[in-house]
C-alpha cells in the first residue's frame, strides 16, 4: 500500500487511512459503557456538571445530554425531527468549473454520494445540534483503483475532550494522554445555538434545565395521582404512649390506605380528613409540564405550531413552518460547509492529486418557485406570449418526454371548432380549415387584429384609389376656374365598383374574425 498526498500536499501513508484512531477500549478511558448523571439530578448537581464541562472535563455533560434524549420523549422527538428534516434532503455535487477535468472530479464525488454512505451518516453528523459538536471517523478503502470512504462511523462525544489552551481544539482521550485529531481521518461538525465556546453552544445545555424542572413536576404529578381522592389519615395516641406503641400506630396509618384494614390498641384513634377543592388543582401539573415542552419546541425548532395542537389559524401555522424551514436551511448549509472543508478536498486529492479548486457538495432543496405557484404563474403569462422550453417544464414536473408511438394523455384542449369538424366535411377540407383555425388560435392575444384588417383593406383598395386619384388630379390641373373644375369632374364618371369590392372583402374578413373570436370565447367558458 503506497502513500498519498492530502489536499494541503502533506504525505499520508496508506496504513494511516485505514487504522482506527478513536475506537472503544476494553479497559481504557474510551469504554462503551456510560454513566447516567441524570439519576437523582438536582440544581446543585447540574450546575456542578456544567461547571466541570466549562473547565475542560465535558464527559459528564455529554452523558447527561444523551440521558435526557433517552428520558424525555418530547425533546427526543423534536431533536429527531430537526435532524431528519436535513438528513433526507437532496445531495447534489457541482463541478468547480466547466473544464472536463473538474467535471470528472464532480462525477467521481457524485458516484460515491449515490452509494448512500454519506446520507446514512448525516443523522449522526447532526448530533452536533444537541451537543454542540459531533465526531465522525472516516474508514477509507481502496477499491477499483480509487480511495473512497467505506464507512463514516459516529464516535460518542464522551471519548473526546478540548484542549486546555484554547478550549476549542478537539482531542482524543487516550490512556497515554490526549491525542490530536488527524484531519484526514475525521469529520468534526460543529453546530452552535449561540456564539461562544463549542462546549457552551449546544441546545442540550439549555434543554437539561427544562428537563430537570419538568421531571420534578412529573414526579409530583405521579404522587398526586397515586393519592388523588384519598383522605388524610391522622393517628392520635395518648400522653403516655411508648415508642413501640407509636410505631404500631404509624404502621396502621401508613398501611390502611393500601390494605383498607388495620389493627391498633383501643386507646389509639385514627381520623380521616377529606381534602376540599381537589378538582381545582388536577390540571396544574399538566399545564406546567406542557409549558416546559413548549419551551423545548421553541428551543429546538424555533416555534410550537408544527409540534403542538395550538390555536392560531392557517396563517400562523404557515409562518411557523417558514421558521422551521429557515432552521433546516441553516443546518443544511452548516453540514455542506463541513463536508466541503473536511472531506471532499481529500477525496479528490487522494485520487487525482491536490487541486486549486474542488467540487462543491450541497445539501438542501433547490431554490425554485414552488410547483403550484410556478404552474399558476405560467398559466397566466403563457396567455400573454411567454414561452418555455418543454424539457424544462418536464424537469420541474419530473415527467419524461413521451416515446415515439406511446399512448399519451393530455395535450391541447379541443375547441368548439375541433368538435364541429369531427363530423362535417371531407378529411382534406377538415385538415385545411383546422390548420388555419389552429394557426389563428395560437397567435398571441395581444396582436392588433383590427390593425391587420385595416392594413389589408388599405392594400386591397390602393389600386382603385390610385387610379381615381390620378384622374382627379389631371382634371384639377387642366381646369381654369372652379366652374370649369366642377364640369370636368362631372364628365369623369368615376366608377366606385373596384373600391366597393375591396371594402366588401374587408368587411367580410372582419366579420369572420369576429365570429372566430366569439367561438373561442364560448369554448373558453366551457
Protein backbone atom coordinates (compact mmCIF):
# COMPACT_ATOMS: atom_id res chain seq x y z
CA UNK A 1 0.00 0.00 0.00
CA UNK A 2 1.53 3.27 -1.13
CA UNK A 3 1.28 6.80 0.17
CA UNK A 4 -0.96 9.70 -0.79
CA UNK A 5 -0.97 13.47 -0.59
CA UNK A 6 -3.84 15.26 1.07
CA UNK A 7 -5.33 18.49 -0.26
CA UNK A 8 -2.66 20.50 1.58
CA UNK A 9 0.13 18.50 -0.03
CA UNK A 10 1.07 16.52 3.10
CA UNK A 11 2.29 12.96 2.50
CA UNK A 12 -0.04 10.37 4.10
CA UNK A 13 0.93 6.71 4.49
CA UNK A 14 -1.65 4.24 3.25
CA UNK A 15 -1.97 2.49 6.61
CA UNK A 16 -2.83 5.84 8.23
CA UNK A 17 -6.00 5.89 6.17
CA UNK A 18 -7.28 2.56 7.46
CA UNK A 19 -6.04 2.41 11.06
CA UNK A 20 -8.72 3.08 13.68
CA UNK A 21 -7.97 6.13 15.82
CA UNK A 22 -10.90 6.62 18.21
CA UNK A 23 -12.48 3.22 18.73
CA UNK A 24 -13.64 1.74 22.03
CA UNK A 25 -11.09 0.40 24.54
CA UNK A 26 -11.96 -2.58 26.72
CA UNK A 27 -10.02 -1.38 29.75
CA UNK A 28 -9.13 2.17 28.78
CA UNK A 29 -10.76 5.56 29.07
CA UNK A 30 -12.85 5.06 25.92
CA UNK A 31 -15.29 2.44 27.18
CA UNK A 32 -18.61 1.72 25.53
CA UNK A 33 -20.33 1.78 28.93
CA UNK A 34 -21.68 5.14 30.04
CA UNK A 35 -22.64 6.79 33.30
CA UNK A 36 -26.08 8.24 33.96
CA UNK A 37 -25.74 11.58 35.71
CA UNK A 38 -29.47 12.24 35.22
CA UNK A 39 -30.18 9.85 38.09
CA UNK A 40 -31.17 11.97 41.07
CA UNK A 41 -30.34 15.20 39.26
CA UNK A 42 -30.68 18.36 41.35
CA UNK A 43 -29.97 22.01 40.52
CA UNK A 44 -26.74 21.85 42.53
CA UNK A 45 -25.58 18.68 40.77
CA UNK A 46 -26.49 20.08 37.34
CA UNK A 47 -24.61 23.30 37.97
CA UNK A 48 -21.57 21.25 39.00
CA UNK A 49 -21.70 19.18 35.79
CA UNK A 50 -21.89 22.29 33.61
CA UNK A 51 -19.09 23.97 35.52
CA UNK A 52 -16.81 20.95 35.07
CA UNK A 53 -17.54 20.97 31.35
CA UNK A 54 -16.56 24.63 31.16
CA UNK A 55 -13.30 23.81 32.93
CA UNK A 56 -12.25 21.10 30.46
CA UNK A 57 -13.99 17.94 31.74
CA UNK A 58 -17.07 17.53 29.48
CA UNK A 59 -17.62 13.77 29.91
CA UNK A 60 -20.45 14.04 32.46
CA UNK A 61 -22.13 16.78 30.41
CA UNK A 62 -22.09 14.65 27.25
CA UNK A 63 -23.51 11.72 29.26
CA UNK A 64 -26.26 13.95 30.63
CA UNK A 65 -27.10 15.28 27.16
CA UNK A 66 -27.56 11.71 25.98
CA UNK A 67 -29.54 10.82 29.10
CA UNK A 68 -32.22 13.44 28.52
CA UNK A 69 -32.66 12.27 24.92
CA UNK A 70 -33.49 8.83 26.32
CA UNK A 71 -35.77 10.08 29.11
CA UNK A 72 -37.74 12.93 27.54
CA UNK A 73 -39.87 11.80 24.56
CA UNK A 74 -40.72 15.38 23.60
CA UNK A 75 -37.10 16.53 23.42
CA UNK A 76 -36.09 13.39 21.53
CA UNK A 77 -38.94 13.83 19.02
CA UNK A 78 -38.13 17.49 18.37
CA UNK A 79 -34.42 16.85 18.02
CA UNK A 80 -35.00 13.88 15.70
CA UNK A 81 -37.40 15.97 13.59
CA UNK A 82 -34.78 18.65 13.11
CA UNK A 83 -32.06 16.13 12.23
CA UNK A 84 -34.21 14.00 9.92
CA UNK A 85 -35.51 17.05 8.05
CA UNK A 86 -31.92 17.68 6.89
CA UNK A 87 -30.83 14.05 6.56
CA UNK A 88 -33.46 13.38 3.87
CA UNK A 89 -32.73 16.46 1.74
CA UNK A 90 -31.28 16.06 -1.78
CA UNK A 91 -27.48 15.95 -2.04
CA UNK A 92 -26.02 17.47 -5.20
CA UNK A 93 -22.50 17.99 -6.48
CA UNK A 94 -21.36 20.97 -8.55
CA UNK A 95 -18.16 20.97 -10.57
CA UNK A 96 -15.54 23.61 -9.77
CA UNK A 97 -15.72 24.82 -13.39
CA UNK A 98 -16.80 23.69 -16.85
CA UNK A 99 -13.45 22.11 -17.64
CA UNK A 100 -13.53 18.36 -18.44
CA UNK A 101 -11.19 17.63 -15.54
CA UNK A 102 -13.35 19.40 -12.99
CA UNK A 103 -16.47 17.71 -14.36
CA UNK A 104 -14.69 14.38 -13.93
CA UNK A 105 -13.99 15.21 -10.28
CA UNK A 106 -17.63 16.13 -9.69
CA UNK A 107 -18.82 12.91 -11.33
CA UNK A 108 -16.45 10.94 -9.09
CA UNK A 109 -17.92 12.54 -5.95
CA UNK A 110 -21.49 12.12 -7.21
CA UNK A 111 -20.96 8.41 -7.84
CA UNK A 112 -19.75 7.99 -4.27
CA UNK A 113 -22.68 10.01 -2.90
CA UNK A 114 -25.04 7.72 -4.80
CA UNK A 115 -23.76 4.78 -2.76
CA UNK A 116 -25.67 6.17 0.24
CA UNK A 117 -22.75 6.16 2.69
CA UNK A 118 -22.93 9.90 3.23
CA UNK A 119 -26.71 10.05 3.55
CA UNK A 120 -26.79 7.32 6.19
CA UNK A 121 -24.29 9.27 8.30
CA UNK A 122 -25.93 12.71 8.10
CA UNK A 123 -28.21 11.94 11.05
CA UNK A 124 -25.18 11.12 13.22
CA UNK A 125 -23.27 14.15 11.99
CA UNK A 126 -26.19 16.36 13.03
CA UNK A 127 -25.88 15.07 16.59
CA UNK A 128 -23.90 18.29 16.99
CA UNK A 129 -27.21 20.19 17.10
CA UNK A 130 -27.82 18.96 20.63
CA UNK A 131 -24.30 18.60 22.00
CA UNK A 132 -22.58 21.35 20.02
CA UNK A 133 -20.11 19.02 18.30
CA UNK A 134 -20.01 15.60 16.65
CA UNK A 135 -17.10 13.44 15.52
CA UNK A 136 -17.28 11.07 12.54
CA UNK A 137 -14.30 8.78 11.91
CA UNK A 138 -13.59 8.00 8.25
CA UNK A 139 -12.78 4.43 7.28
CA UNK A 140 -11.03 4.72 3.90
CA UNK A 141 -10.96 1.87 1.39
CA UNK A 142 -9.00 1.04 -1.76
CA UNK A 143 -11.39 -0.18 -4.45
CA UNK A 144 -11.02 -0.34 -8.24
CA UNK A 145 -8.01 1.93 -8.16
CA UNK A 146 -9.72 4.63 -6.10
CA UNK A 147 -9.66 5.71 -2.47
CA UNK A 148 -13.11 6.44 -1.03
CA UNK A 149 -14.74 6.29 2.42
CA UNK A 150 -16.11 2.82 3.13
CA UNK A 151 -17.89 3.98 6.29
CA UNK A 152 -18.42 7.14 8.28
CA UNK A 153 -18.59 5.99 11.90
CA UNK A 154 -20.06 8.13 14.67
CA UNK A 155 -17.90 8.35 17.78
CA UNK A 156 -19.51 9.30 21.07
CA UNK A 157 -18.51 12.72 22.36
CA UNK A 158 -17.55 11.13 25.69
CA UNK A 159 -14.35 9.88 24.07
CA UNK A 160 -13.16 13.40 23.28
CA UNK A 161 -12.17 16.48 25.23
CA UNK A 162 -10.98 20.01 24.48
CA UNK A 163 -7.51 21.48 24.56
CA UNK A 164 -6.89 23.32 27.82
CA UNK A 165 -5.03 26.09 25.98
CA UNK A 166 -7.88 27.35 23.78
CA UNK A 167 -10.95 25.38 24.88
CA UNK A 168 -11.86 24.72 21.23
CA UNK A 169 -9.41 22.24 19.71
CA UNK A 170 -10.84 18.74 19.95
CA UNK A 171 -8.60 15.97 21.31
CA UNK A 172 -9.00 12.20 21.57
CA UNK A 173 -9.00 10.85 25.13
CA UNK A 174 -6.47 8.04 25.49
CA UNK A 175 -4.66 6.13 28.22
CA UNK A 176 -1.41 7.69 27.04
CA UNK A 177 -2.88 11.19 27.25
CA UNK A 178 -4.99 13.33 24.98
CA UNK A 179 -4.17 12.77 21.30
CA UNK A 180 -4.58 15.29 18.45
CA UNK A 181 -7.22 14.78 15.78
CA UNK A 182 -5.84 13.53 12.45
CA UNK A 183 -7.60 15.73 9.84
CA UNK A 184 -7.87 13.11 7.09
CA UNK A 185 -9.45 10.60 9.49
CA UNK A 186 -12.26 12.67 11.00
CA UNK A 187 -15.17 14.91 10.13
CA UNK A 188 -15.70 17.28 13.05
CA UNK A 189 -19.04 19.04 12.72
CA UNK A 190 -19.98 21.95 14.97
CA UNK A 191 -23.46 23.42 15.39
CA UNK A 192 -23.88 26.50 17.54
CA UNK A 193 -27.12 27.80 19.00
CA UNK A 194 -25.21 30.85 20.20
CA UNK A 195 -21.78 32.39 19.81
CA UNK A 196 -19.05 31.28 22.18
CA UNK A 197 -17.15 28.13 23.08
CA UNK A 198 -18.40 24.96 21.42
CA UNK A 199 -19.00 23.21 24.74
CA UNK A 200 -21.39 26.02 25.74
CA UNK A 201 -23.15 26.39 22.37
CA UNK A 202 -25.29 23.24 22.07
CA UNK A 203 -29.01 23.37 22.78
CA UNK A 204 -28.69 20.48 25.25
CA UNK A 205 -27.12 22.92 27.71
CA UNK A 206 -30.46 24.75 27.92
CA UNK A 207 -32.64 21.67 27.46
CA UNK A 208 -31.22 19.96 30.58
CA UNK A 209 -32.69 22.69 32.78
CA UNK A 210 -36.13 22.31 31.21
CA UNK A 211 -35.94 18.56 31.57
CA UNK A 212 -34.89 18.71 35.22
CA UNK A 213 -37.69 21.04 36.31
CA UNK A 214 -40.19 19.11 34.19
CA UNK A 215 -39.06 15.87 35.87
CA UNK A 216 -39.79 17.43 39.26
CA UNK A 217 -43.29 18.31 38.04
CA UNK A 218 -43.93 14.86 36.61
CA UNK A 219 -42.76 13.25 39.85
CA UNK A 220 -45.13 15.43 41.89
CA UNK A 221 -47.88 14.64 39.41
CA UNK A 222 -47.31 10.91 39.87
CA UNK A 223 -47.53 11.26 43.65
CA UNK A 224 -50.69 13.32 43.28
CA UNK A 225 -52.29 10.72 41.01
CA UNK A 226 -51.39 7.96 43.46
CA UNK A 227 -53.01 9.76 46.38
CA UNK A 228 -55.81 11.51 44.48
CA UNK A 229 -59.16 11.16 46.27
CA UNK A 230 -57.71 9.61 49.40
CA UNK A 231 -58.33 11.36 52.73
CA UNK A 232 -55.56 12.44 55.03
CA UNK A 233 -55.10 9.88 57.86
CA UNK A 234 -54.28 11.25 61.28
CA UNK A 235 -53.38 8.89 64.13
CA UNK A 236 -53.72 10.01 67.73
CA UNK A 237 -52.04 8.45 70.78
CA UNK A 238 -52.19 9.19 74.46
CA UNK A 239 -49.70 11.14 76.53
CA UNK A 240 -48.11 8.05 77.99
CA UNK A 241 -47.64 6.15 74.73
CA UNK A 242 -44.30 4.43 74.32
CA UNK A 243 -42.14 4.45 71.18
CA UNK A 244 -43.29 0.91 70.40
CA UNK A 245 -46.92 2.00 70.59
CA UNK A 246 -46.21 4.97 68.33
CA UNK A 247 -44.62 2.62 65.77
CA UNK A 248 -47.73 0.46 65.82
CA UNK A 249 -49.92 3.47 65.17
CA UNK A 250 -47.66 4.72 62.34
CA UNK A 251 -47.76 1.34 60.61
CA UNK A 252 -51.53 1.33 60.90
CA UNK A 253 -51.89 4.83 59.45
CA UNK A 254 -49.46 4.07 56.61
CA UNK A 255 -50.97 0.72 55.68
CA UNK A 256 -54.66 1.48 55.93
CA UNK A 257 -54.76 3.22 52.53
CA UNK A 258 -53.47 0.23 50.59
CA UNK A 259 -54.74 -2.58 52.77
CA UNK A 260 -58.04 -0.98 53.74
CA UNK A 261 -57.57 -2.63 57.15
CA UNK A 262 -55.54 -2.08 60.29
CA UNK A 263 -55.43 -3.10 63.95
CA UNK A 264 -54.38 -0.91 66.85
CA UNK A 265 -54.97 -0.68 70.62
CA UNK A 266 -58.29 0.62 71.92
CA UNK A 267 -56.62 3.66 73.39
CA UNK A 268 -55.41 4.83 69.93
CA UNK A 269 -57.51 6.68 67.32
CA UNK A 270 -57.33 7.24 63.53
CA UNK A 271 -59.22 10.14 61.94
CA UNK A 272 -59.85 10.80 58.22
CA UNK A 273 -59.91 14.37 56.86
CA UNK A 274 -61.25 14.97 53.34
CA UNK A 275 -59.36 17.46 51.11
CA UNK A 276 -61.57 20.18 49.68
CA UNK A 277 -61.42 21.71 46.15
CA UNK A 278 -59.50 18.77 44.69
CA UNK A 279 -60.66 19.48 41.15
CA UNK A 280 -59.11 22.96 41.11
CA UNK A 281 -55.54 21.60 41.11
CA UNK A 282 -55.82 18.49 38.96
CA UNK A 283 -54.54 20.19 35.76
CA UNK A 284 -51.79 22.29 37.36
CA UNK A 285 -49.13 19.62 36.81
CA UNK A 286 -50.13 19.00 33.21
CA UNK A 287 -50.12 22.71 32.37
CA UNK A 288 -46.68 23.11 33.91
CA UNK A 289 -45.26 20.09 32.04
CA UNK A 290 -46.81 21.33 28.77
CA UNK A 291 -45.24 24.75 29.32
CA UNK A 292 -41.78 23.19 29.57
CA UNK A 293 -42.49 21.16 26.41
CA UNK A 294 -43.35 24.35 24.54
CA UNK A 295 -40.09 25.93 25.64
CA UNK A 296 -38.22 22.91 24.29
CA UNK A 297 -40.13 23.18 21.00
CA UNK A 298 -39.06 26.80 20.66
CA UNK A 299 -35.51 25.86 21.58
CA UNK A 300 -35.16 23.06 19.01
CA UNK A 301 -37.48 24.07 16.15
CA UNK A 302 -37.93 27.78 16.78
CA UNK A 303 -41.72 27.53 17.07
CA UNK A 304 -44.56 25.46 18.54
CA UNK A 305 -47.36 25.33 15.96
CA UNK A 306 -45.98 22.37 14.00
CA UNK A 307 -45.44 20.36 17.18
CA UNK A 308 -48.45 21.13 19.39
CA UNK A 309 -52.16 21.43 18.72
CA UNK A 310 -52.46 25.14 19.44
CA UNK A 311 -54.86 27.69 18.01
CA UNK A 312 -53.80 30.46 15.69
CA UNK A 313 -55.13 29.66 12.26
CA UNK A 314 -53.57 28.71 8.97
CA UNK A 315 -51.58 31.95 8.64
CA UNK A 316 -49.80 31.42 11.97
CA UNK A 317 -49.06 27.79 11.14
CA UNK A 318 -47.65 28.81 7.76
CA UNK A 319 -45.46 31.46 9.38
CA UNK A 320 -44.13 28.97 11.93
CA UNK A 321 -43.41 26.47 9.16
CA UNK A 322 -41.27 29.11 7.45
CA UNK A 323 -39.29 29.48 10.69
CA UNK A 324 -38.67 25.73 10.74
CA UNK A 325 -37.58 25.84 7.08
CA UNK A 326 -35.12 28.63 7.89
CA UNK A 327 -33.55 26.47 10.60
CA UNK A 328 -33.49 23.50 8.23
CA UNK A 329 -31.71 25.57 5.58
CA UNK A 330 -29.16 26.80 8.12
CA UNK A 331 -28.41 23.26 9.34
CA UNK A 332 -28.04 22.07 5.74
CA UNK A 333 -25.63 24.89 4.90
CA UNK A 334 -23.55 24.14 8.01
CA UNK A 335 -23.36 20.46 7.07
CA UNK A 336 -22.41 21.27 3.48
CA UNK A 337 -19.64 23.60 4.63
CA UNK A 338 -18.22 20.94 6.95
CA UNK A 339 -18.11 18.34 4.17
CA UNK A 340 -16.62 20.77 1.64
CA UNK A 341 -13.85 21.68 4.06
CA UNK A 342 -13.00 18.33 5.66
CA UNK A 343 -13.98 15.51 3.29
CA UNK A 344 -14.36 16.45 -0.38
CA UNK A 345 -10.88 18.02 -0.88
CA UNK A 346 -9.13 14.92 0.48
CA UNK A 347 -11.25 12.58 -1.65
CA UNK A 348 -10.12 14.43 -4.77
CA UNK A 349 -6.52 14.85 -3.61
CA UNK A 350 -6.09 11.14 -2.76
CA UNK A 351 -7.32 10.13 -6.24
CA UNK A 352 -6.30 12.97 -8.57
CA UNK A 353 -3.70 14.87 -6.57
CA UNK A 354 -4.03 18.27 -4.86
CA UNK A 355 -6.04 20.79 -6.89
CA UNK A 356 -6.56 24.52 -6.93
CA UNK A 357 -10.34 24.11 -6.99
CA UNK A 358 -12.56 21.31 -5.74
CA UNK A 359 -16.16 20.30 -6.45
CA UNK A 360 -18.85 21.64 -4.13
CA UNK A 361 -21.34 19.40 -2.38
CA UNK A 362 -24.71 20.90 -1.44
CA UNK A 363 -27.35 19.55 0.93
CA UNK A 364 -30.78 21.10 0.52
CA UNK A 365 -33.70 21.79 -1.73
CA UNK A 366 -33.04 23.83 -4.89
CA UNK A 367 -34.05 27.49 -4.65
CA UNK A 368 -37.00 27.14 -7.00
CA UNK A 369 -40.51 28.58 -7.02
CA UNK A 370 -42.95 26.02 -5.54
CA UNK A 371 -44.54 23.91 -8.26
CA UNK A 372 -48.07 25.15 -7.55
CA UNK A 373 -47.03 28.81 -7.80
CA UNK A 374 -44.98 28.06 -10.93
CA UNK A 375 -47.96 26.38 -12.65
CA UNK A 376 -50.36 29.19 -11.79
CA UNK A 377 -47.93 31.89 -12.94
CA UNK A 378 -47.07 30.13 -16.19
CA UNK A 379 -50.77 29.59 -16.97
CA UNK A 380 -51.30 33.36 -16.74
CA UNK A 381 -48.16 34.55 -18.51
CA UNK A 382 -48.43 31.99 -21.31
CA UNK A 383 -51.63 33.73 -22.39
CA UNK A 384 -49.55 36.88 -22.89
CA UNK A 385 -46.90 35.24 -25.03
CA UNK A 386 -44.45 33.75 -22.50
CA UNK A 387 -42.71 30.68 -23.93
CA UNK A 388 -40.72 28.00 -22.08
CA UNK A 389 -38.66 25.04 -23.15
CA UNK A 390 -40.85 21.93 -22.83
CA UNK A 391 -37.87 19.99 -21.42
CA UNK A 392 -37.57 22.49 -18.55
CA UNK A 393 -41.26 22.14 -17.69
CA UNK A 394 -40.99 18.35 -17.76
CA UNK A 395 -37.99 18.50 -15.42
CA UNK A 396 -39.97 20.63 -12.95
CA UNK A 397 -42.81 18.12 -13.09
CA UNK A 398 -40.50 15.11 -13.00
CA UNK A 399 -42.21 13.75 -16.13
CA UNK A 400 -40.18 12.26 -19.04
CA UNK A 401 -40.90 13.09 -22.67
CA UNK A 402 -43.27 10.56 -24.32
CA UNK A 403 -41.63 7.95 -26.51
CA UNK A 404 -42.49 7.69 -30.17
CA UNK A 405 -45.62 5.62 -30.68
CA UNK A 406 -46.51 5.54 -26.99
CA UNK A 407 -50.05 6.17 -25.83
CA UNK A 408 -50.20 9.72 -24.49
CA UNK A 409 -52.61 11.68 -22.37
CA UNK A 410 -53.07 15.43 -22.14
CA UNK A 411 -52.18 17.85 -24.91
CA UNK A 412 -54.04 20.90 -26.23
CA UNK A 413 -57.65 21.10 -25.11
CA UNK A 414 -60.08 20.60 -28.05
CA UNK A 415 -62.08 23.69 -29.07
CA UNK A 416 -65.62 24.04 -30.33
CA UNK A 417 -64.34 24.14 -33.92
CA UNK A 418 -62.48 20.85 -33.37
CA UNK A 419 -65.73 19.18 -32.34
CA UNK A 420 -67.54 20.80 -35.28
CA UNK A 421 -65.16 19.45 -37.90
CA UNK A 422 -65.08 15.96 -36.43
CA UNK A 423 -68.40 15.24 -38.19
CA UNK A 424 -68.66 17.68 -41.09
CA UNK A 425 -66.76 17.94 -44.35
CA UNK A 426 -64.23 15.76 -46.11
CA UNK A 427 -60.93 14.84 -44.48
CA UNK A 428 -58.72 17.17 -46.62
CA UNK A 429 -61.11 20.06 -46.08
CA UNK A 430 -61.28 19.45 -42.35
CA UNK A 431 -57.49 19.33 -42.09
CA UNK A 432 -57.05 22.54 -44.08
CA UNK A 433 -59.61 24.51 -42.07
CA UNK A 434 -58.32 23.11 -38.76
CA UNK A 435 -54.77 24.17 -39.62
CA UNK A 436 -55.97 27.68 -40.38
CA UNK A 437 -58.02 27.88 -37.20
CA UNK A 438 -55.23 26.45 -35.06
CA UNK A 439 -52.78 28.91 -36.55
CA UNK A 440 -55.16 31.71 -35.69
CA UNK A 441 -55.72 30.39 -32.14
CA UNK A 442 -52.01 30.04 -31.46
CA UNK A 443 -51.41 33.71 -32.22
CA UNK A 444 -50.68 35.95 -29.29
CA UNK A 445 -53.86 37.57 -27.89
CA UNK A 446 -52.02 40.91 -27.91
CA UNK A 447 -51.81 41.05 -31.71
CA UNK A 448 -53.74 44.01 -33.13
CA UNK A 449 -56.38 42.21 -35.24
CA UNK A 450 -58.10 45.46 -36.15
CA UNK A 451 -54.81 46.92 -37.32
CA UNK A 452 -54.14 43.91 -39.52
CA UNK A 453 -57.60 44.13 -41.10
CA UNK A 454 -57.09 47.86 -41.70
CA UNK A 455 -53.75 47.22 -43.39
CA UNK A 456 -55.36 44.53 -45.58
CA UNK A 457 -58.20 46.85 -46.63
CA UNK A 458 -55.75 49.65 -47.39
CA UNK A 459 -53.70 47.28 -49.56
CA UNK A 460 -56.74 45.98 -51.49
CA UNK A 461 -58.16 49.46 -52.08
CA UNK A 462 -54.84 51.02 -53.02
CA UNK A 463 -55.21 50.22 -56.75
CA UNK A 464 -58.72 51.65 -57.11
CA UNK A 465 -57.86 54.74 -55.13
CA UNK A 466 -54.65 55.31 -57.10
CA UNK A 467 -56.48 55.35 -60.47
CA UNK A 468 -59.23 57.65 -59.25
CA UNK A 469 -56.71 59.99 -57.64
CA UNK A 470 -54.70 60.38 -60.86
CA UNK A 471 -57.81 61.24 -62.95
CA UNK A 472 -58.98 63.82 -60.42
CA UNK A 473 -55.52 65.40 -60.18
CA UNK A 474 -55.32 65.76 -64.01
CA UNK A 475 -58.79 67.33 -64.19
CA UNK A 476 -57.98 69.86 -61.49
CA UNK A 477 -54.65 70.80 -63.07
CA UNK A 478 -56.29 71.47 -66.50
CA UNK A 479 -59.25 73.49 -65.16
CA UNK A 480 -59.18 77.32 -65.33
CA UNK A 481 -61.63 78.09 -62.51
CA UNK A 482 -63.95 76.37 -60.06
CA UNK A 483 -66.84 76.12 -62.53
CA UNK A 484 -64.57 74.55 -65.11
CA UNK A 485 -63.21 72.11 -62.46
CA UNK A 486 -66.76 71.06 -61.49
CA UNK A 487 -67.70 70.39 -65.10
CA UNK A 488 -64.51 68.37 -65.72
CA UNK A 489 -65.08 66.22 -62.58
CA UNK A 490 -68.67 65.55 -63.61
CA UNK A 491 -67.55 64.36 -67.02
CA UNK A 492 -65.09 61.82 -65.49
CA UNK A 493 -67.91 59.45 -64.43
CA UNK A 494 -65.63 57.65 -61.89
CA UNK A 495 -66.70 54.06 -61.09
CA UNK A 496 -66.69 53.04 -57.37
CA UNK A 497 -67.05 49.34 -58.18
CA UNK A 498 -63.41 48.37 -57.59
CA UNK A 499 -63.29 50.30 -54.30
CA UNK A 500 -66.63 48.85 -53.21
CA UNK A 501 -65.35 45.34 -53.89
CA UNK A 502 -62.27 45.94 -51.76
CA UNK A 503 -64.36 47.34 -48.91
CA UNK A 504 -66.81 44.44 -49.10
CA UNK A 505 -63.93 41.99 -48.91
CA UNK A 506 -62.56 43.82 -45.85
CA UNK A 507 -65.93 43.80 -44.12
CA UNK A 508 -66.26 40.07 -44.75
CA UNK A 509 -62.85 39.39 -43.21
CA UNK A 510 -63.74 41.49 -40.17
CA UNK A 511 -66.98 39.55 -39.78
CA UNK A 512 -65.16 36.20 -39.92
CA UNK A 513 -62.58 37.39 -37.38
CA UNK A 514 -65.39 38.41 -35.03
CA UNK A 515 -67.08 35.02 -35.41
CA UNK A 516 -63.83 33.19 -34.66
CA UNK A 517 -63.25 35.29 -31.54
CA UNK A 518 -66.79 34.54 -30.38
CA UNK A 519 -66.24 30.78 -30.84
CA UNK A 520 -63.00 30.97 -28.83
CA UNK A 521 -64.78 32.86 -26.06
CA UNK A 522 -67.57 30.29 -25.87
CA UNK A 523 -65.11 27.38 -25.84
CA UNK A 524 -63.05 29.04 -23.11
CA UNK A 525 -66.06 29.33 -20.82
CA UNK A 526 -66.90 25.62 -21.04
